Amino acid sequence: MEERQLIDRYLNCSYTAERKLLLQNIKDKKQSLPISLTADLMKLKLTADEHIGILKNTSGKHKLALEDYLSSQLSSWDQNVAATALWEWALRTDCILGHRALPLSLSPLTPQRIRYTLLDLSWFLGGVRLVQELSKMEGLDDMSPAFHALLSFRALQFQVESPKLLARAKVAIEESSQNPHSSDRYLCYFLSYILRFDAAWASQYKPQHSYSGIWTQFLHSLSTPSKPSFDREALKKIFGKSSKKIDEALLMALWPSVWERQAIDSEDLLAVLTALSQQKLPLVSQQSWEFFAGILPSVMHTTLAQCSEPKTFCTGLNLLAPFLDHSQQSSLIDQIKAMVLKSTEPTEILTQLSPRFSALLNN
């Protein structure tokens, strides 16, 4: 009753500022607007802030219906409203329709702001395919440094090697050398991408200016041979049979940087996924998918393909599938179908699987 009264007050209010307060009140009381009402309200000539408030207050009870509405209306909204809608889509639904993000990201009519948001949310929407396509898009050089930096980071995380992006990163590093006190906050993303896909260039690059700038010294340090930072043997001991309790703090300390995670092998990955499925790694759980970003997709696929324990498999699939291409995902979906058919408790497996993957079992 109270919910209906609040919504009626909002609908009958003539003042923008008061309506925004009423929307906040609806949110604070954990109430929501039906999707059908949102669809009507979004057609009205309201401010972008009010449209954003409406979207944030829209009911997520029927997740697929919300996802369908948001993903089908993005191109008709102001870019600030559309960016908010993308976040609502990614974080409040199961992303079963995530494939719709790809054509949106490639459309010449899509503003850079929306492409940037899609890239930011690529683990939820579009996965590795979206990162691959944006890495070779026409007009990449015309995008902003912020877009180039995020694309470099996501391409590093999803292990997408792009000659075009690598060239752009090198140009950014070379241009920074002209200013010893460069404050460009994006340089670390460009350099990390180069360290993964052309480390020799980084170690041989000789800046033209003196040691008065920190970036010069940072680059110079890369040319100095050093012991590899990834200690596989120490990592294996954490999960060894003699280890009664997993030292998660040590695991976090030993885990390689994102540009070095191609060194992680199937044994390492399986050990982490197994412990994660057993809820023994709360800190890693908080890191979510980004803890695994940078591991070779082939290693991810092999690890899951060789995994026969359903709970570990589901944990891995939920986290790693967005890093894999369509054929790799399809083979794993076939594998989970076989697990379900063989299991005496198939419901236990299905409840552990993310809805965006369990929906594929009907295909």
Protein backbone atom coordinates (compact mmCIF):
# COMPACT_ATOMS: atom_id res chain seq x y z
CA MET A 1 0.00 0.00 0.00
CA GLU A 2 2.78 2.40 0.98
CA GLU A 3 4.65 1.56 -2.22
CA ARG A 4 1.63 2.45 -4.33
CA GLN A 5 1.22 5.73 -2.43
CA LEU A 6 4.84 6.73 -3.00
CA ILE A 7 4.61 5.98 -6.71
CA ASP A 8 1.32 7.90 -6.98
CA ARG A 9 2.91 10.89 -5.24
CA TYR A 10 5.79 10.76 -7.71
CA LEU A 11 3.45 10.55 -10.72
CA ASN A 12 1.33 13.46 -9.52
CA CYS A 13 4.23 15.75 -8.66
CA SER A 14 4.87 18.72 -10.98
CA TYR A 15 8.33 19.74 -9.74
CA THR A 16 11.53 18.10 -10.92
CA ALA A 17 13.48 18.57 -7.68
CA GLU A 18 10.66 17.09 -5.59
CA ARG A 19 10.26 14.15 -7.96
CA LYS A 20 13.96 13.35 -7.62
CA LEU A 21 13.58 13.32 -3.84
CA LEU A 22 10.59 11.01 -4.15
CA LEU A 23 12.64 8.65 -6.35
CA GLN A 24 15.33 8.59 -3.68
CA ASN A 25 12.67 7.91 -1.07
CA ILE A 26 11.38 4.98 -3.11
CA LYS A 27 14.92 3.61 -3.33
CA ASP A 28 15.61 4.11 0.39
CA LYS A 29 12.48 2.14 1.25
CA LYS A 30 13.64 -0.65 -1.07
CA GLN A 31 10.62 -0.21 -3.33
CA SER A 32 10.65 -0.12 -7.11
CA LEU A 33 8.90 0.90 -10.30
CA PRO A 34 7.39 -1.77 -12.58
CA ILE A 35 9.25 -2.14 -15.89
CA SER A 36 6.07 -1.21 -17.79
CA LEU A 37 5.85 2.09 -15.90
CA THR A 38 9.55 2.79 -16.47
CA ALA A 39 9.05 2.24 -20.21
CA ASP A 40 6.35 4.92 -20.26
CA LEU A 41 8.27 7.38 -18.05
CA MET A 42 11.43 7.10 -20.16
CA LYS A 43 9.47 8.42 -23.16
CA LEU A 44 8.73 11.69 -21.36
CA LYS A 45 10.87 14.81 -21.75
CA LEU A 46 12.47 14.67 -18.33
CA THR A 47 16.02 15.60 -17.33
CA ALA A 48 18.80 13.05 -17.78
CA ASP A 49 19.24 12.90 -13.98
CA GLU A 50 15.59 12.00 -13.51
CA HIS A 51 15.74 9.35 -16.22
CA ILE A 52 18.77 7.89 -14.45
CA GLY A 53 16.85 7.87 -11.17
CA ILE A 54 13.97 6.07 -12.84
CA LEU A 55 16.26 3.36 -14.21
CA LYS A 56 17.93 2.84 -10.85
CA ASN A 57 14.50 2.43 -9.25
CA THR A 58 13.18 -0.04 -11.82
CA SER A 59 12.24 -3.45 -10.48
CA GLY A 60 14.76 -6.24 -11.05
CA LYS A 61 12.42 -8.97 -9.89
CA HIS A 62 12.13 -10.31 -13.43
CA LYS A 63 15.77 -10.11 -14.46
CA LEU A 64 15.41 -11.29 -18.05
CA ALA A 65 12.62 -8.79 -18.71
CA LEU A 66 14.74 -5.97 -17.26
CA GLU A 67 17.72 -7.08 -19.33
CA ASP A 68 15.64 -7.20 -22.50
CA TYR A 69 14.22 -3.73 -21.89
CA LEU A 70 17.55 -2.07 -21.07
CA SER A 71 19.51 -3.68 -23.91
CA SER A 72 16.85 -2.87 -26.51
CA GLN A 73 16.53 0.82 -25.61
CA LEU A 74 20.15 1.91 -25.19
CA SER A 75 20.51 3.57 -28.58
CA SER A 76 17.50 5.82 -27.98
CA TRP A 77 18.74 7.42 -24.75
CA ASP A 78 21.10 10.25 -23.85
CA GLN A 79 24.62 8.84 -23.45
CA ASN A 80 24.73 9.54 -19.70
CA VAL A 81 21.43 7.69 -19.29
CA ALA A 82 22.63 4.87 -21.56
CA ALA A 83 25.87 4.50 -19.58
CA THR A 84 23.84 4.10 -16.38
CA ALA A 85 21.60 1.58 -18.11
CA LEU A 86 24.65 -0.49 -19.04
CA TRP A 87 25.75 -0.65 -15.41
CA GLU A 88 22.22 -1.62 -14.36
CA TRP A 89 22.22 -4.32 -17.05
CA ALA A 90 25.60 -5.70 -15.97
CA LEU A 91 25.15 -5.64 -12.20
CA ARG A 92 21.44 -6.29 -11.70
CA THR A 93 20.72 -9.01 -14.27
CA ASP A 94 22.17 -12.39 -15.22
CA CYS A 95 23.55 -11.02 -18.52
CA ILE A 96 21.93 -13.80 -20.52
CA LEU A 97 21.57 -11.32 -23.40
CA GLY A 98 25.14 -10.07 -23.09
CA HIS A 99 25.77 -10.86 -26.77
CA ARG A 100 23.72 -7.76 -27.65
CA ALA A 101 26.60 -5.60 -26.45
CA LEU A 102 28.81 -6.54 -29.41
CA PRO A 103 26.83 -4.90 -32.27
CA LEU A 104 26.27 -1.85 -30.07
CA SER A 105 30.01 -1.46 -29.46
CA LEU A 106 30.78 -1.66 -33.20
CA SER A 107 28.04 0.65 -34.47
CA PRO A 108 29.42 3.89 -35.96
CA LEU A 109 26.55 5.70 -34.23
CA THR A 110 27.67 4.60 -30.74
CA PRO A 111 29.36 7.45 -28.79
CA GLN A 112 32.80 6.89 -27.32
CA ARG A 113 31.34 7.21 -23.81
CA ILE A 114 29.15 4.15 -24.42
CA ARG A 115 32.01 2.17 -26.00
CA TYR A 116 34.14 2.99 -22.97
CA THR A 117 31.43 1.75 -20.59
CA LEU A 118 30.95 -1.44 -22.61
CA LEU A 119 34.69 -2.02 -22.48
CA ASP A 120 34.69 -1.42 -18.74
CA LEU A 121 31.94 -4.04 -18.38
CA SER A 122 33.33 -6.50 -20.93
CA TRP A 123 33.55 -9.40 -18.45
CA PHE A 124 29.78 -9.11 -17.97
CA LEU A 125 28.80 -8.07 -21.50
CA GLY A 126 30.49 -9.34 -24.64
CA GLY A 127 33.54 -11.01 -23.13
CA VAL A 128 36.74 -11.56 -25.10
CA ARG A 129 35.01 -11.08 -28.46
CA LEU A 130 34.11 -7.49 -27.59
CA VAL A 131 37.71 -6.71 -26.59
CA GLN A 132 39.02 -8.33 -29.79
CA GLU A 133 36.73 -6.32 -32.03
CA LEU A 134 37.41 -3.00 -30.32
CA SER A 135 41.17 -3.66 -30.52
CA LYS A 136 41.02 -3.67 -34.33
CA MET A 137 38.21 -1.16 -34.88
CA GLU A 138 38.42 1.55 -37.51
CA GLY A 139 39.21 4.95 -36.04
CA LEU A 140 40.96 3.57 -32.98
CA ASP A 141 43.62 6.27 -33.19
CA ASP A 142 40.91 8.92 -32.91
CA MET A 143 39.74 7.65 -29.52
CA SER A 144 40.79 9.41 -26.31
CA PRO A 145 43.86 8.44 -24.23
CA ALA A 146 41.46 7.20 -21.52
CA PHE A 147 39.84 4.82 -24.01
CA HIS A 148 43.25 3.60 -25.26
CA ALA A 149 44.37 2.99 -21.66
CA LEU A 150 41.29 0.99 -20.70
CA LEU A 151 41.45 -0.98 -23.96
CA SER A 152 45.12 -1.79 -23.27
CA PHE A 153 44.22 -3.01 -19.79
CA ARG A 154 41.28 -5.13 -20.91
CA ALA A 155 43.29 -6.55 -23.82
CA LEU A 156 46.01 -7.47 -21.34
CA GLN A 157 43.46 -9.10 -19.02
CA PHE A 158 41.75 -11.01 -21.83
CA GLN A 159 45.07 -11.85 -23.54
CA VAL A 160 44.20 -10.09 -26.80
CA GLU A 161 47.32 -9.25 -28.81
CA SER A 162 46.67 -6.39 -31.21
CA PRO A 163 49.42 -4.90 -33.43
CA LYS A 164 47.39 -1.71 -33.72
CA LEU A 165 47.02 -1.38 -29.95
CA LEU A 166 50.65 -2.27 -29.33
CA ALA A 167 51.77 0.45 -31.75
CA ARG A 168 49.49 2.97 -30.04
CA ALA A 169 50.96 2.05 -26.63
CA LYS A 170 54.53 2.50 -27.89
CA VAL A 171 53.69 5.91 -29.32
CA ALA A 172 52.28 6.96 -25.94
CA ILE A 173 55.48 5.85 -24.16
CA GLU A 174 57.68 7.61 -26.71
CA GLU A 175 55.69 10.82 -26.43
CA SER A 176 55.96 10.70 -22.64
CA SER A 177 59.75 10.66 -22.94
CA GLN A 178 59.63 14.22 -24.23
CA ASN A 179 58.41 15.34 -20.83
CA PRO A 180 60.53 14.06 -17.89
CA HIS A 181 57.80 15.01 -15.42
CA SER A 182 54.88 13.55 -17.32
CA SER A 183 51.74 13.29 -15.20
CA ASP A 184 49.98 11.06 -17.70
CA ARG A 185 48.17 8.57 -15.48
CA TYR A 186 47.60 6.24 -18.42
CA LEU A 187 51.25 5.35 -19.03
CA CYS A 188 51.19 2.43 -16.60
CA TYR A 189 48.45 0.74 -18.67
CA PHE A 190 50.36 1.19 -21.92
CA LEU A 191 53.60 -0.03 -20.39
CA SER A 192 51.98 -3.12 -18.83
CA TYR A 193 50.53 -4.06 -22.23
CA ILE A 194 53.98 -3.69 -23.84
CA LEU A 195 55.58 -5.74 -21.06
CA ARG A 196 53.25 -8.62 -21.89
CA PHE A 197 53.39 -8.59 -25.68
CA ASP A 198 56.75 -6.95 -26.52
CA ALA A 199 58.92 -6.94 -23.41
CA ALA A 200 62.07 -6.77 -25.55
CA TRP A 201 61.01 -3.36 -26.89
CA ALA A 202 60.50 -2.05 -23.36
CA SER A 203 63.91 -3.29 -22.19
CA GLN A 204 65.71 -1.86 -25.23
CA TYR A 205 63.89 1.46 -25.38
CA LYS A 206 66.20 4.35 -24.51
CA PRO A 207 64.48 7.58 -23.49
CA GLN A 208 66.12 10.74 -24.81
CA HIS A 209 65.99 12.86 -21.67
CA SER A 210 67.89 12.77 -18.36
CA TYR A 211 67.20 10.96 -15.11
CA SER A 212 65.22 13.87 -13.72
CA GLY A 213 61.94 12.07 -14.46
CA ILE A 214 60.61 8.95 -12.77
CA TRP A 215 59.37 7.36 -16.00
CA THR A 216 62.89 7.38 -17.43
CA GLN A 217 64.20 5.50 -14.42
CA PHE A 218 61.28 3.09 -14.45
CA LEU A 219 61.91 2.24 -18.10
CA HIS A 220 65.66 1.95 -17.50
CA SER A 221 65.08 -0.58 -14.70
CA LEU A 222 63.38 -2.87 -17.20
CA SER A 223 66.60 -3.32 -19.13
CA THR A 224 68.36 -4.65 -16.03
CA PRO A 225 68.20 -8.47 -15.87
CA SER A 226 66.55 -9.69 -12.71
CA LYS A 227 65.18 -12.87 -11.24
CA PRO A 228 61.63 -13.63 -12.42
CA SER A 229 59.15 -12.50 -9.81
CA PHE A 230 56.90 -15.55 -10.20
CA ASP A 231 57.97 -18.36 -7.88
CA ARG A 232 56.01 -21.43 -9.02
CA GLU A 233 57.54 -23.79 -6.48
CA ALA A 234 56.55 -21.54 -3.58
CA LEU A 235 53.04 -21.33 -5.02
CA LYS A 236 52.73 -25.10 -5.27
CA LYS A 237 53.76 -25.51 -1.62
CA ILE A 238 50.75 -23.46 -0.55
CA PHE A 239 48.46 -26.16 -1.94
CA GLY A 240 50.73 -29.10 -1.10
CA LYS A 241 49.48 -32.16 0.80
CA SER A 242 51.61 -31.20 3.79
CA SER A 243 49.86 -27.85 3.99
CA LYS A 244 46.97 -28.13 6.49
CA LYS A 245 45.75 -24.59 5.96
CA ILE A 246 46.05 -22.38 2.91
CA ASP A 247 48.11 -19.25 3.53
CA GLU A 248 45.99 -16.88 1.49
CA ALA A 249 48.11 -13.84 2.30
CA LEU A 250 51.16 -15.63 0.87
CA LEU A 251 49.15 -16.67 -2.19
CA MET A 252 48.20 -13.04 -2.83
CA ALA A 253 51.84 -12.00 -2.43
CA LEU A 254 53.13 -14.69 -4.80
CA TRP A 255 50.45 -14.29 -7.46
CA PRO A 256 52.10 -12.73 -10.54
CA SER A 257 51.29 -9.33 -12.01
CA VAL A 258 48.73 -9.34 -14.80
CA TRP A 259 51.41 -9.09 -17.52
CA GLU A 260 53.19 -12.14 -16.06
CA ARG A 261 50.19 -14.43 -15.56
CA GLN A 262 50.80 -16.26 -18.82
CA ALA A 263 53.25 -18.25 -16.65
CA ILE A 264 50.34 -19.77 -14.69
CA ASP A 265 49.76 -23.37 -15.75
CA SER A 266 46.75 -25.70 -15.44
CA GLU A 267 47.97 -27.23 -12.19
CA ASP A 268 48.30 -23.80 -10.57
CA LEU A 269 44.90 -22.70 -11.81
CA LEU A 270 43.11 -25.89 -10.80
CA ALA A 271 44.52 -25.66 -7.27
CA VAL A 272 43.16 -22.13 -6.87
CA LEU A 273 39.75 -22.97 -8.35
CA THR A 274 39.43 -26.03 -6.11
CA ALA A 275 40.22 -24.03 -2.98
CA LEU A 276 37.89 -21.28 -4.14
CA SER A 277 35.02 -23.72 -4.66
CA GLN A 278 35.63 -24.98 -1.12
CA GLN A 279 35.34 -21.40 0.19
CA LYS A 280 38.90 -21.42 1.49
CA LEU A 281 39.94 -18.21 -0.29
CA PRO A 282 37.75 -15.31 0.85
CA LEU A 283 40.25 -12.65 -0.30
CA VAL A 284 40.52 -14.17 -3.77
CA SER A 285 36.73 -14.41 -3.88
CA GLN A 286 36.55 -10.65 -3.34
CA GLN A 287 38.91 -10.11 -6.27
CA SER A 288 36.50 -12.08 -8.48
CA TRP A 289 37.37 -12.44 -12.19
CA GLU A 290 40.21 -9.91 -12.15
CA PHE A 291 42.37 -12.26 -10.06
CA PHE A 292 42.48 -14.58 -13.08
CA ALA A 293 42.79 -11.93 -15.80
CA GLY A 294 45.94 -12.37 -17.86
CA ILE A 295 46.09 -16.18 -17.67
CA LEU A 296 46.25 -17.72 -21.13
CA PRO A 297 42.77 -18.66 -22.42
CA SER A 298 44.20 -21.99 -23.62
CA VAL A 299 45.26 -22.77 -20.05
CA MET A 300 41.84 -21.78 -18.73
CA HIS A 301 40.11 -24.02 -21.26
CA THR A 302 42.44 -26.98 -20.67
CA THR A 303 42.01 -26.68 -16.91
CA LEU A 304 38.23 -26.76 -17.12
CA ALA A 305 38.19 -29.47 -19.78
CA GLN A 306 40.24 -31.73 -17.50
CA CYS A 307 38.22 -30.93 -14.38
CA SER A 308 35.79 -33.67 -13.33
CA GLU A 309 34.67 -32.27 -9.97
CA PRO A 310 31.33 -30.48 -10.62
CA LYS A 311 31.61 -27.79 -7.96
CA THR A 312 35.11 -26.78 -9.02
CA PHE A 313 34.08 -26.91 -12.68
CA CYS A 314 31.09 -24.62 -12.10
CA THR A 315 33.18 -22.19 -10.07
CA GLY A 316 35.74 -22.07 -12.87
CA LEU A 317 33.20 -21.76 -15.67
CA ASN A 318 31.39 -18.89 -13.94
CA LEU A 319 34.65 -16.96 -13.58
CA LEU A 320 36.59 -17.89 -16.71
CA ALA A 321 34.06 -18.35 -19.53
CA PRO A 322 34.05 -14.65 -20.59
CA PHE A 323 37.78 -15.00 -21.36
CA LEU A 324 37.09 -17.85 -23.79
CA ASP A 325 35.92 -17.73 -27.39
CA HIS A 326 32.64 -19.23 -28.60
CA SER A 327 34.04 -22.64 -29.60
CA GLN A 328 35.80 -23.06 -26.25
CA GLN A 329 32.65 -22.08 -24.36
CA SER A 330 30.54 -24.48 -26.43
CA SER A 331 32.77 -27.45 -25.63
CA LEU A 332 32.52 -26.67 -21.91
CA ILE A 333 28.74 -26.35 -22.10
CA ASP A 334 28.69 -29.84 -23.64
CA GLN A 335 30.87 -31.01 -20.77
CA ILE A 336 28.50 -29.63 -18.12
CA LYS A 337 25.55 -31.28 -19.91
CA ALA A 338 27.34 -34.63 -19.60
CA MET A 339 28.02 -33.97 -15.90
CA VAL A 340 24.35 -33.22 -15.27
CA LEU A 341 23.21 -36.38 -17.06
CA LYS A 342 25.62 -38.58 -15.10
CA SER A 343 24.99 -36.99 -11.72
CA THR A 344 22.66 -38.49 -9.12
CA GLU A 345 22.07 -34.94 -7.85
CA PRO A 346 21.82 -32.80 -11.01
CA THR A 347 20.03 -29.98 -9.18
CA GLU A 348 23.13 -29.36 -7.06
CA ILE A 349 25.17 -28.78 -10.21
CA LEU A 350 22.61 -26.53 -11.87
CA THR A 351 22.22 -24.31 -8.81
CA GLN A 352 25.98 -23.66 -8.76
CA LEU A 353 26.03 -22.54 -12.39
CA SER A 354 25.51 -18.89 -13.33
CA PRO A 355 22.13 -18.37 -15.08
CA ARG A 356 23.85 -16.97 -18.17
CA PHE A 357 25.44 -20.39 -18.68
CA SER A 358 22.68 -22.65 -17.37
CA ALA A 359 20.38 -21.02 -19.95
CA LEU A 360 22.65 -22.44 -22.68
CA LEU A 361 21.99 -26.00 -21.53
CA ASN A 362 18.64 -25.92 -23.35
CA ASN A 363 20.30 -25.35 -26.74
